Amino acid sequence: MPGTNQMIVRCSQYFRQPRLQPALGDARLYDDMSSTIAYHRAHASQNYTDHIALTADTDASYNTIVKILDAAREAKDDDVGFVTE
């Protein structure tokens, strides 16, 4: 099935992206989001997709969520699904 390897970003009190552990600070967010999106696009033939599944719980900062969305947009990726927990 094409695109089965989507990017999963979980946002809580501290922003964490499973591939980029430990927690990232703002300084690396844009570079790491861009490189992760580029990796997924380069490996599309191996069922990677540039879809971002963004989940956030009630402890997540609105400011952090906006930064994640902005980093994705800056990397030319607007394929984001957003779910609250």
Protein backbone atom coordinates (compact mmCIF):
# COMPACT_ATOMS: atom_id res chain seq x y z
CA MET A 1 0.00 0.00 0.00
CA PRO A 2 1.58 3.34 -1.05
CA GLY A 3 2.39 5.86 1.65
CA THR A 4 2.08 3.65 4.69
CA ASN A 5 5.05 5.26 6.46
CA GLN A 6 3.70 8.64 7.48
CA MET A 7 5.36 11.06 9.85
CA ILE A 8 3.89 10.91 13.34
CA VAL A 9 4.41 13.96 15.54
CA ARG A 10 3.16 13.84 19.12
CA CYS A 11 2.84 17.08 20.99
CA SER A 12 2.48 17.20 24.75
CA GLN A 13 3.88 19.52 27.37
CA TYR A 14 7.17 18.86 25.61
CA PHE A 15 7.37 18.47 21.83
CA ARG A 16 8.59 15.01 20.84
CA GLN A 17 8.97 13.39 17.43
CA PRO A 18 9.77 9.67 17.74
CA ARG A 19 12.52 9.66 15.08
CA LEU A 20 14.22 12.69 16.64
CA GLN A 21 14.46 11.75 20.33
CA PRO A 22 15.15 13.27 22.79
CA ALA A 23 12.83 16.29 22.87
CA LEU A 24 13.73 19.05 20.43
CA GLY A 25 14.07 22.73 21.13
CA ASP A 26 12.94 25.49 18.77
CA ALA A 27 16.45 25.92 17.36
CA ARG A 28 16.36 22.53 15.61
CA LEU A 29 12.66 22.20 14.88
CA TYR A 30 12.69 23.75 11.39
CA ASP A 31 15.83 21.95 10.21
CA ASP A 32 14.72 18.59 11.58
CA MET A 33 11.20 18.90 10.16
CA SER A 34 12.62 19.84 6.77
CA SER A 35 15.10 16.95 6.71
CA THR A 36 12.46 14.46 7.84
CA ILE A 37 10.05 15.60 5.12
CA ALA A 38 12.84 15.44 2.52
CA TYR A 39 13.71 11.90 3.64
CA HIS A 40 10.11 10.75 3.34
CA ARG A 41 9.78 12.28 -0.13
CA ALA A 42 13.05 10.72 -1.29
CA HIS A 43 11.82 7.30 -0.16
CA ALA A 44 8.28 7.48 -1.58
CA SER A 45 8.98 4.33 -3.62
CA GLN A 46 9.44 2.50 -0.31
CA ASN A 47 5.95 3.46 0.92
CA TYR A 48 6.98 6.66 2.69
CA THR A 49 4.60 9.60 2.50
CA ASP A 50 4.98 13.25 3.45
CA HIS A 51 1.68 13.16 5.36
CA ILE A 52 2.14 14.39 8.92
CA ALA A 53 -0.12 12.94 11.63
CA LEU A 54 0.02 15.55 14.40
CA THR A 55 -1.52 14.60 17.73
CA ALA A 56 -1.72 16.86 20.75
CA ASP A 57 -2.97 16.35 24.26
CA THR A 58 -4.42 18.94 26.61
CA ASP A 59 -0.95 19.78 27.97
CA ALA A 60 0.34 20.80 24.54
CA SER A 61 1.14 24.46 24.07
CA TYR A 62 -0.79 26.17 21.26
CA ASN A 63 2.42 28.04 20.44
CA THR A 64 4.30 24.75 19.94
CA ILE A 65 1.57 23.37 17.67
CA VAL A 66 1.73 26.52 15.55
CA LYS A 67 5.53 26.19 15.30
CA ILE A 68 5.22 22.57 14.14
CA LEU A 69 2.67 23.54 11.50
CA ASP A 70 4.83 26.48 10.41
CA ALA A 71 7.92 24.27 10.14
CA ALA A 72 5.97 21.85 7.92
CA ARG A 73 4.65 24.72 5.79
CA GLU A 74 8.14 26.17 5.40
CA ALA A 75 9.28 22.75 4.14
CA LYS A 76 6.45 22.92 1.55
CA ASP A 77 4.35 20.27 3.28
CA ASP A 78 0.74 21.14 3.95
CA ASP A 79 -0.51 17.56 4.21
CA VAL A 80 -1.19 17.51 7.95
CA GLY A 81 -3.85 15.64 9.88
CA PHE A 82 -4.49 17.05 13.35
CA VAL A 83 -6.01 15.14 16.27
CA THR A 84 -6.42 16.16 19.89
CA GLU A 85 -6.25 13.65 22.72
